[in-house]
């Protein structure tokens, strides 16, 4: 027992100090991680993106996956301090600089995610309508209201500031894009009936001559995503599929953030490399070859139910297929996260009435990507070589993205 009052006072102060240190440590350890929250804020913002992109001219096929790449990367970098198994890419790429987080202080990670999307979507949709801007603003306000009363005012403001400042840094860095790699060379041009190219043209021709089967039409329309104001674009189809997987698995926010970043980067890199290859090789579409060499009356099967236009071919070179390349990249990224034997039913277009959008069920995500690629042949807009090389090329690109040092 301490009899000297001065020693007793000092001992009491020492006990309080130790108690405060322990309380501070426990408070810091009790801060929620990204994985402690559900997927919904990321999922809902992805759905807002898909809804706006569907009606935005100029975003298909390449700009949309590029936007997802930078949106996904910004959100990932903003919340990675709360993802203990993951690395930041700060300094990994030339000029890539991210503001430091206050690691000893609390963040509400859904608010960080929300602020990043709210800041960047108007940037990427620079010609958004008032209705689209209102959707962005209402989504941001909705999540702010949802989480405002769950944290202190300091945490609320700190979280919003974190999301916005990282989003701004990534936006600035996005102006430094470079060209992508080239795919393999296409089959040599020939009009010889014994040539490989002629055989592939006949394969396309035979899909609807004399008629297109119901199954082929269903597959072609199900994966088309070609047409403005009808569906989102093909480059972000596997983001929509990833959103469905998040719901099916009741995933946490960490998985949702990683999924968006991985699918975005893989699909964007695939799109850039694909279009670089398209204009490098400059292979004509089956329609012009078939009409010139085989049958001048032949028409592709891509129609626009909104305008009534029929027999459409996309107005850029064929090889490799953009659907196939970006779809395979997105599918490979999703397979890495959810598993290579992960089966699911794709309900992307289940409520469509203008084309056959009945859901289709698959035993794996890569099976979905393979069917997405093949669908372009019965639709009459690609040769087999466009699709097969697209799948190979897209998966190769996605695997390079997967090999980045995401994990510690």
Protein backbone atom coordinates (compact mmCIF):
# COMPACT_ATOMS: atom_id res chain seq x y z
CA UNK A 1 0.00 0.00 0.00
CA UNK A 2 1.36 3.47 -0.94
CA UNK A 3 1.42 5.72 2.14
CA UNK A 4 3.07 8.81 0.56
CA UNK A 5 0.28 10.90 -1.06
CA UNK A 6 2.61 12.15 -3.81
CA UNK A 7 3.54 8.60 -4.83
CA UNK A 8 -0.09 7.62 -4.64
CA UNK A 9 -1.03 10.46 -7.00
CA UNK A 10 1.74 9.58 -9.46
CA UNK A 11 0.70 5.93 -9.42
CA UNK A 12 -2.91 6.94 -10.11
CA UNK A 13 -1.87 9.10 -13.07
CA UNK A 14 0.23 6.20 -14.40
CA UNK A 15 -2.75 3.84 -14.23
CA UNK A 16 -4.98 6.32 -16.08
CA UNK A 17 -2.31 6.81 -18.76
CA UNK A 18 -1.96 3.07 -19.31
CA UNK A 19 -5.72 2.69 -19.40
CA UNK A 20 -5.99 5.42 -22.04
CA UNK A 21 -3.28 3.79 -24.16
CA UNK A 22 -5.07 0.46 -24.02
CA UNK A 23 -8.40 2.10 -24.87
CA UNK A 24 -6.85 3.90 -27.85
CA UNK A 25 -5.28 0.70 -29.16
CA UNK A 26 -8.53 -1.19 -28.73
CA UNK A 27 -10.42 1.58 -30.51
CA UNK A 28 -8.03 1.48 -33.45
CA UNK A 29 -8.24 -2.30 -33.64
CA UNK A 30 -12.02 -2.04 -33.54
CA UNK A 31 -12.20 0.14 -36.67
CA UNK A 32 -14.27 -1.61 -39.29
CA UNK A 33 -12.53 -3.07 -42.34
CA UNK A 34 -13.90 -2.92 -45.86
CA UNK A 35 -14.86 -6.60 -45.60
CA UNK A 36 -17.12 -5.82 -42.62
CA UNK A 37 -19.61 -4.12 -44.96
CA UNK A 38 -21.85 -5.67 -47.60
CA UNK A 39 -21.49 -5.28 -51.37
CA UNK A 40 -24.44 -2.99 -51.96
CA UNK A 41 -22.86 0.46 -52.34
CA UNK A 42 -20.45 -0.81 -55.01
CA UNK A 43 -23.13 -2.91 -56.72
CA UNK A 44 -25.66 -0.09 -56.84
CA UNK A 45 -23.16 2.37 -58.30
CA UNK A 46 -22.18 -0.17 -60.96
CA UNK A 47 -25.85 -0.44 -61.87
CA UNK A 48 -26.12 3.36 -62.11
CA UNK A 49 -23.12 3.33 -64.45
CA UNK A 50 -24.70 0.64 -66.64
CA UNK A 51 -28.02 2.48 -66.77
CA UNK A 52 -26.41 5.76 -67.84
CA UNK A 53 -23.99 4.14 -70.28
CA UNK A 54 -26.83 2.37 -72.08
CA UNK A 55 -28.20 5.73 -73.25
CA UNK A 56 -24.93 7.59 -73.81
CA UNK A 57 -23.71 7.99 -77.37
CA UNK A 58 -19.99 7.51 -77.94
CA UNK A 59 -19.35 5.04 -75.11
CA UNK A 60 -19.47 1.82 -77.08
CA UNK A 61 -17.46 -0.16 -77.52
CA UNK A 62 -14.17 1.14 -76.03
CA UNK A 63 -14.78 4.13 -73.70
CA UNK A 64 -17.17 2.28 -71.36
CA UNK A 65 -14.72 -0.38 -70.09
CA UNK A 66 -12.04 2.33 -69.83
CA UNK A 67 -14.34 4.31 -67.53
CA UNK A 68 -14.98 1.21 -65.39
CA UNK A 69 -11.23 0.63 -65.14
CA UNK A 70 -10.57 4.06 -63.68
CA UNK A 71 -13.70 4.07 -61.53
CA UNK A 72 -12.76 0.67 -60.16
CA UNK A 73 -9.13 1.62 -59.62
CA UNK A 74 -10.04 4.87 -57.84
CA UNK A 75 -12.41 3.12 -55.45
CA UNK A 76 -9.88 0.33 -54.84
CA UNK A 77 -7.11 2.81 -54.00
CA UNK A 78 -9.41 4.89 -51.81
CA UNK A 79 -10.37 1.94 -49.59
CA UNK A 80 -7.31 -0.34 -49.80
CA UNK A 81 -6.03 0.95 -46.41
CA UNK A 82 -9.01 -0.93 -44.99
CA UNK A 83 -8.21 -4.15 -46.95
CA UNK A 84 -5.49 -5.86 -44.94
CA UNK A 85 -4.65 -8.51 -47.55
CA UNK A 86 -4.32 -6.11 -50.48
CA UNK A 87 -1.65 -3.71 -51.76
CA UNK A 88 -1.89 -0.17 -53.05
CA UNK A 89 -0.41 0.47 -56.51
CA UNK A 90 0.99 3.80 -55.32
CA UNK A 91 4.21 4.29 -57.30
CA UNK A 92 3.83 0.98 -59.16
CA UNK A 93 3.00 2.69 -62.46
CA UNK A 94 4.83 5.75 -63.72
CA UNK A 95 3.23 8.88 -62.30
CA UNK A 96 0.64 6.99 -60.25
CA UNK A 97 0.46 8.91 -56.97
CA UNK A 98 -2.30 8.46 -54.39
CA UNK A 99 -2.90 10.72 -51.35
CA UNK A 100 -2.02 9.05 -48.06
CA UNK A 101 -4.79 7.87 -45.77
CA UNK A 102 -4.74 8.64 -42.06
CA UNK A 103 -4.13 5.04 -41.07
CA UNK A 104 -4.62 5.64 -37.35
CA UNK A 105 -8.03 7.22 -37.84
CA UNK A 106 -11.43 5.77 -38.62
CA UNK A 107 -13.12 5.75 -42.03
CA UNK A 108 -16.59 4.64 -43.03
CA UNK A 109 -15.61 2.68 -46.14
CA UNK A 110 -19.02 2.69 -47.88
CA UNK A 111 -18.96 6.49 -47.69
CA UNK A 112 -15.49 6.50 -49.25
CA UNK A 113 -16.75 4.31 -52.10
CA UNK A 114 -19.83 6.48 -52.50
CA UNK A 115 -17.84 9.71 -52.70
CA UNK A 116 -15.46 8.28 -55.32
CA UNK A 117 -18.28 7.23 -57.63
CA UNK A 118 -20.16 10.46 -57.03
CA UNK A 119 -17.10 12.50 -58.01
CA UNK A 120 -16.03 10.47 -61.05
CA UNK A 121 -19.25 9.58 -62.83
CA UNK A 122 -19.96 13.16 -63.96
CA UNK A 123 -16.34 13.33 -65.14
CA UNK A 124 -16.65 10.25 -67.32
CA UNK A 125 -20.12 11.21 -68.53
CA UNK A 126 -19.27 14.76 -69.51
CA UNK A 127 -22.40 15.09 -71.66
CA UNK A 128 -24.78 13.53 -69.15
CA UNK A 129 -28.39 14.68 -69.31
CA UNK A 130 -30.03 16.43 -66.38
CA UNK A 131 -31.92 13.22 -65.66
CA UNK A 132 -28.67 11.24 -65.57
CA UNK A 133 -26.97 13.81 -63.33
CA UNK A 134 -29.98 13.72 -61.03
CA UNK A 135 -29.63 9.93 -60.77
CA UNK A 136 -25.96 10.31 -59.80
CA UNK A 137 -26.76 12.96 -57.21
CA UNK A 138 -29.69 11.07 -55.71
CA UNK A 139 -27.61 7.88 -55.41
CA UNK A 140 -24.82 9.77 -53.64
CA UNK A 141 -27.28 11.46 -51.26
CA UNK A 142 -29.01 8.14 -50.55
CA UNK A 143 -25.85 6.47 -49.30
CA UNK A 144 -24.76 9.58 -47.39
CA UNK A 145 -28.09 9.54 -45.57
CA UNK A 146 -27.84 5.81 -44.92
CA UNK A 147 -24.46 6.02 -43.19
CA UNK A 148 -24.45 9.55 -41.73
CA UNK A 149 -25.94 8.55 -38.39
CA UNK A 150 -23.72 5.48 -38.01
CA UNK A 151 -20.51 7.47 -37.50
CA UNK A 152 -19.33 10.76 -35.98
CA UNK A 153 -19.30 13.97 -38.00
CA UNK A 154 -15.50 13.79 -38.21
CA UNK A 155 -15.56 10.27 -39.64
CA UNK A 156 -18.34 11.22 -42.05
CA UNK A 157 -16.41 14.19 -43.47
CA UNK A 158 -13.07 12.39 -43.45
CA UNK A 159 -14.53 9.48 -45.42
CA UNK A 160 -16.10 11.71 -48.07
CA UNK A 161 -12.89 13.68 -48.43
CA UNK A 162 -10.88 10.47 -48.83
CA UNK A 163 -13.11 9.21 -51.63
CA UNK A 164 -13.02 12.49 -53.51
CA UNK A 165 -9.30 13.24 -53.21
CA UNK A 166 -8.29 9.78 -54.45
CA UNK A 167 -10.84 10.00 -57.26
CA UNK A 168 -9.34 13.32 -58.34
CA UNK A 169 -5.81 11.86 -58.32
CA UNK A 170 -6.87 8.89 -60.47
CA UNK A 171 -8.82 11.17 -62.82
CA UNK A 172 -5.70 13.24 -63.44
CA UNK A 173 -3.60 10.11 -64.01
CA UNK A 174 -6.17 8.76 -66.50
CA UNK A 175 -5.01 11.34 -69.04
CA UNK A 176 -1.74 9.39 -69.57
CA UNK A 177 -3.19 6.37 -71.45
CA UNK A 178 -0.99 4.45 -73.90
CA UNK A 179 -1.69 2.15 -76.88
CA UNK A 180 -2.13 -1.56 -76.31
CA UNK A 181 -0.37 -4.61 -77.68
CA UNK A 182 -1.21 -6.45 -80.92
CA UNK A 183 -2.91 -9.82 -81.25
CA UNK A 184 -1.72 -12.57 -83.60
CA UNK A 185 -1.97 -12.14 -87.36
CA UNK A 186 -5.28 -13.05 -89.04
CA UNK A 187 -5.75 -15.70 -91.70
CA UNK A 188 -4.34 -14.37 -95.01
CA UNK A 189 -6.83 -12.76 -97.39
CA UNK A 190 -7.98 -14.97 -100.24
CA UNK A 191 -11.02 -15.39 -102.50
CA UNK A 192 -9.99 -18.91 -103.43
CA UNK A 193 -12.83 -21.36 -102.56
CA UNK A 194 -10.15 -23.69 -101.15
CA UNK A 195 -8.73 -21.06 -98.78
CA UNK A 196 -9.24 -20.86 -95.02
CA UNK A 197 -10.85 -17.43 -95.23
CA UNK A 198 -13.37 -18.55 -97.84
CA UNK A 199 -14.27 -21.54 -95.65
CA UNK A 200 -14.87 -19.26 -92.67
CA UNK A 201 -17.04 -16.97 -94.80
CA UNK A 202 -19.10 -19.97 -95.90
CA UNK A 203 -19.52 -20.92 -92.22
CA UNK A 204 -20.97 -17.48 -91.49
CA UNK A 205 -23.12 -17.61 -94.63
CA UNK A 206 -24.56 -21.02 -93.76
CA UNK A 207 -25.84 -19.85 -90.36
CA UNK A 208 -28.90 -18.18 -91.89
CA UNK A 209 -29.02 -19.73 -95.35
CA UNK A 210 -31.76 -20.68 -95.81
CA UNK A 211 -32.88 -19.68 -92.27
CA UNK A 212 -31.48 -18.92 -88.82
CA UNK A 213 -32.46 -21.40 -86.11
CA UNK A 214 -34.30 -20.26 -82.97
CA UNK A 215 -31.33 -21.24 -80.76
CA UNK A 216 -28.85 -19.34 -82.94
CA UNK A 217 -31.08 -16.26 -82.96
CA UNK A 218 -31.51 -16.45 -79.17
CA UNK A 219 -27.77 -16.73 -78.60
CA UNK A 220 -27.01 -13.92 -81.02
CA UNK A 221 -29.55 -11.51 -79.53
CA UNK A 222 -28.80 -12.52 -75.94
CA UNK A 223 -25.16 -11.46 -76.22
CA UNK A 224 -25.46 -8.68 -78.79
CA UNK A 225 -25.41 -5.51 -76.65
CA UNK A 226 -24.58 -3.58 -79.84
CA UNK A 227 -27.33 -1.01 -79.87
CA UNK A 228 -27.49 2.38 -78.18
CA UNK A 229 -30.56 3.00 -75.99
CA UNK A 230 -31.38 -0.72 -75.96
CA UNK A 231 -28.75 -2.33 -73.69
CA UNK A 232 -25.44 -1.46 -72.08
CA UNK A 233 -22.44 -2.05 -74.35
CA UNK A 234 -20.56 -5.37 -74.79
CA UNK A 235 -17.42 -4.13 -73.04
CA UNK A 236 -19.19 -3.91 -69.68
CA UNK A 237 -21.42 -6.99 -70.00
CA UNK A 238 -19.24 -8.93 -67.57
CA UNK A 239 -19.46 -6.12 -65.02
CA UNK A 240 -23.22 -6.67 -65.11
CA UNK A 241 -22.62 -10.41 -64.70
CA UNK A 242 -20.25 -9.70 -61.81
CA UNK A 243 -22.95 -7.65 -60.11
CA UNK A 244 -25.27 -10.66 -60.32
CA UNK A 245 -22.59 -12.85 -58.74
CA UNK A 246 -22.22 -10.38 -55.86
CA UNK A 247 -25.94 -10.68 -55.16
CA UNK A 248 -25.96 -14.46 -55.53
CA UNK A 249 -23.08 -14.86 -53.08
CA UNK A 250 -24.13 -12.06 -50.71
CA UNK A 251 -20.55 -10.83 -51.06
CA UNK A 252 -18.84 -8.27 -48.87
CA UNK A 253 -17.66 -4.83 -49.96
CA UNK A 254 -14.04 -5.94 -50.32
CA UNK A 255 -15.00 -8.53 -52.92
CA UNK A 256 -17.22 -6.02 -54.72
CA UNK A 257 -14.45 -3.42 -54.89
CA UNK A 258 -11.87 -5.93 -56.10
CA UNK A 259 -14.29 -7.37 -58.66
CA UNK A 260 -15.01 -3.98 -60.18
CA UNK A 261 -11.33 -3.02 -60.34
CA UNK A 262 -10.18 -6.36 -61.77
CA UNK A 263 -12.96 -6.62 -64.37
CA UNK A 264 -12.53 -2.96 -65.27
CA UNK A 265 -8.77 -3.10 -65.78
CA UNK A 266 -8.91 -6.42 -67.67
CA UNK A 267 -11.75 -5.32 -69.96
CA UNK A 268 -10.24 -1.91 -70.61
CA UNK A 269 -6.80 -3.25 -71.46
CA UNK A 270 -8.47 -5.83 -73.70
CA UNK A 271 -10.50 -3.14 -75.45
CA UNK A 272 -7.47 -0.92 -76.08
CA UNK A 273 -5.37 -3.80 -77.42
CA UNK A 274 -8.29 -5.12 -79.49
CA UNK A 275 -8.94 -1.80 -81.25
CA UNK A 276 -5.23 -1.27 -81.81
CA UNK A 277 -5.20 -4.69 -83.52
CA UNK A 278 -8.38 -4.02 -85.50
CA UNK A 279 -7.01 -0.96 -87.21
CA UNK A 280 -3.55 -2.44 -87.60
CA UNK A 281 -4.79 -5.52 -89.52
CA UNK A 282 -7.91 -3.82 -90.99
CA UNK A 283 -9.83 -7.03 -91.82
CA UNK A 284 -13.17 -6.50 -93.55
CA UNK A 285 -16.43 -7.78 -92.12
CA UNK A 286 -18.05 -10.99 -93.42
CA UNK A 287 -20.88 -8.99 -94.98
CA UNK A 288 -18.76 -7.23 -97.58
CA UNK A 289 -16.71 -10.34 -98.36
CA UNK A 290 -19.77 -12.58 -98.74
CA UNK A 291 -21.64 -10.07 -100.91
CA UNK A 292 -18.64 -9.59 -103.18
CA UNK A 293 -17.43 -13.19 -103.42
CA UNK A 294 -20.34 -15.53 -102.56
CA UNK A 295 -23.85 -14.02 -102.61
CA UNK A 296 -24.66 -10.34 -103.27
CA UNK A 297 -28.12 -10.71 -101.68
CA UNK A 298 -26.91 -12.00 -98.29
CA UNK A 299 -27.57 -10.00 -95.09
CA UNK A 300 -26.29 -10.33 -91.50
CA UNK A 301 -28.73 -11.06 -88.68
CA UNK A 302 -28.10 -7.98 -86.52
CA UNK A 303 -31.26 -5.85 -86.50
CA UNK A 304 -32.21 -2.76 -84.51
CA UNK A 305 -35.75 -3.08 -83.11
CA UNK A 306 -35.71 0.58 -82.03
CA UNK A 307 -35.07 2.03 -85.51
CA UNK A 308 -36.19 -0.83 -87.75
CA UNK A 309 -32.77 -1.09 -89.40
CA UNK A 310 -31.91 -4.62 -90.51
CA UNK A 311 -28.79 -6.45 -91.65
CA UNK A 312 -26.37 -4.26 -89.66
CA UNK A 313 -22.60 -4.69 -89.55
CA UNK A 314 -20.57 -2.65 -87.04
CA UNK A 315 -18.64 0.15 -88.74
CA UNK A 316 -15.10 -0.85 -87.80
CA UNK A 317 -12.74 -3.71 -88.75
CA UNK A 318 -13.58 -7.28 -87.83
CA UNK A 319 -10.40 -8.82 -86.45
CA UNK A 320 -10.28 -9.56 -83.57
CA UNK A 321 -13.82 -9.48 -82.21
CA UNK A 322 -14.35 -6.84 -79.53
CA UNK A 323 -17.12 -8.86 -77.89
CA UNK A 324 -14.82 -11.87 -77.72
CA UNK A 325 -11.73 -10.03 -76.49
CA UNK A 326 -13.38 -7.89 -73.81
CA UNK A 327 -15.80 -10.64 -72.81
CA UNK A 328 -13.03 -13.20 -72.36
CA UNK A 329 -11.02 -10.70 -70.32
CA UNK A 330 -13.98 -9.89 -68.08
CA UNK A 331 -14.89 -13.56 -67.78
CA UNK A 332 -11.36 -14.54 -66.81
CA UNK A 333 -11.28 -11.82 -64.14
CA UNK A 334 -14.61 -12.99 -62.68
CA UNK A 335 -13.47 -16.63 -62.79
CA UNK A 336 -10.37 -15.71 -60.79
CA UNK A 337 -12.55 -14.18 -58.07
CA UNK A 338 -15.55 -16.51 -57.96
CA UNK A 339 -13.94 -19.74 -59.19
CA UNK A 340 -13.35 -21.40 -62.54
CA UNK A 341 -16.23 -23.82 -61.98
CA UNK A 342 -18.65 -21.15 -60.76
CA UNK A 343 -21.96 -21.70 -62.53
CA UNK A 344 -24.79 -19.18 -62.74
CA UNK A 345 -27.78 -17.99 -64.72
CA UNK A 346 -27.28 -14.72 -66.57
CA UNK A 347 -30.37 -12.55 -66.13
CA UNK A 348 -29.00 -9.39 -67.76
CA UNK A 349 -31.88 -9.07 -70.25
CA UNK A 350 -34.63 -11.11 -68.63
CA UNK A 351 -37.24 -8.33 -68.88
CA UNK A 352 -36.51 -7.33 -72.47
CA UNK A 353 -39.46 -7.47 -74.84
CA UNK A 354 -37.75 -6.23 -78.03
CA UNK A 355 -35.50 -9.29 -78.40
CA UNK A 356 -35.01 -12.76 -76.93
CA UNK A 357 -33.53 -11.99 -73.50
CA UNK A 358 -34.67 -15.13 -71.68
CA UNK A 359 -31.98 -15.98 -69.07
CA UNK A 360 -29.41 -18.60 -69.98
CA UNK A 361 -27.68 -20.93 -67.50
CA UNK A 362 -24.00 -21.87 -67.64
CA UNK A 363 -21.71 -24.22 -65.76
CA UNK A 364 -18.91 -21.65 -65.59
CA UNK A 365 -18.23 -18.00 -66.29
CA UNK A 366 -15.72 -18.86 -69.00
CA UNK A 367 -18.42 -20.92 -70.70
CA UNK A 368 -20.43 -17.70 -70.80
CA UNK A 369 -17.48 -15.90 -72.38
CA UNK A 370 -17.09 -18.64 -74.99
CA UNK A 371 -20.76 -18.43 -75.97
CA UNK A 372 -20.58 -14.64 -76.02
CA UNK A 373 -17.73 -14.96 -78.54
CA UNK A 374 -19.41 -17.58 -80.74
CA UNK A 375 -22.65 -15.56 -80.82
CA UNK A 376 -21.05 -13.15 -83.27
CA UNK A 377 -20.81 -15.84 -85.98
CA UNK A 378 -24.54 -16.71 -86.30
CA UNK A 379 -25.26 -12.99 -85.98
CA UNK A 380 -23.24 -12.65 -89.19
CA UNK A 381 -20.82 -9.94 -88.08
CA UNK A 382 -17.64 -11.97 -87.43
CA UNK A 383 -15.62 -14.86 -88.78
CA UNK A 384 -14.66 -17.73 -86.50
CA UNK A 385 -11.05 -16.48 -86.46
CA UNK A 386 -12.16 -13.12 -85.05
CA UNK A 387 -13.84 -14.82 -82.12
CA UNK A 388 -11.28 -17.52 -81.38
CA UNK A 389 -8.39 -15.08 -81.40
CA UNK A 390 -10.44 -12.62 -79.35
CA UNK A 391 -10.99 -15.21 -76.62
CA UNK A 392 -7.32 -16.21 -76.55
CA UNK A 393 -6.15 -12.60 -76.59
CA UNK A 394 -8.64 -11.43 -73.94
CA UNK A 395 -7.73 -14.18 -71.51
CA UNK A 396 -4.03 -13.53 -72.02
CA UNK A 397 -4.56 -9.86 -71.19
CA UNK A 398 -6.73 -10.63 -68.15
CA UNK A 399 -4.13 -13.03 -66.78
CA UNK A 400 -1.53 -10.28 -67.00
CA UNK A 401 -3.85 -8.03 -64.96
CA UNK A 402 -4.48 -10.83 -62.47
CA UNK A 403 -0.70 -11.24 -62.01
CA UNK A 404 -0.35 -7.66 -60.80
CA UNK A 405 0.61 -7.51 -57.09
CA UNK A 406 -2.92 -7.14 -55.75
CA UNK A 407 -2.31 -9.34 -52.70
CA UNK A 408 0.31 -9.08 -49.98
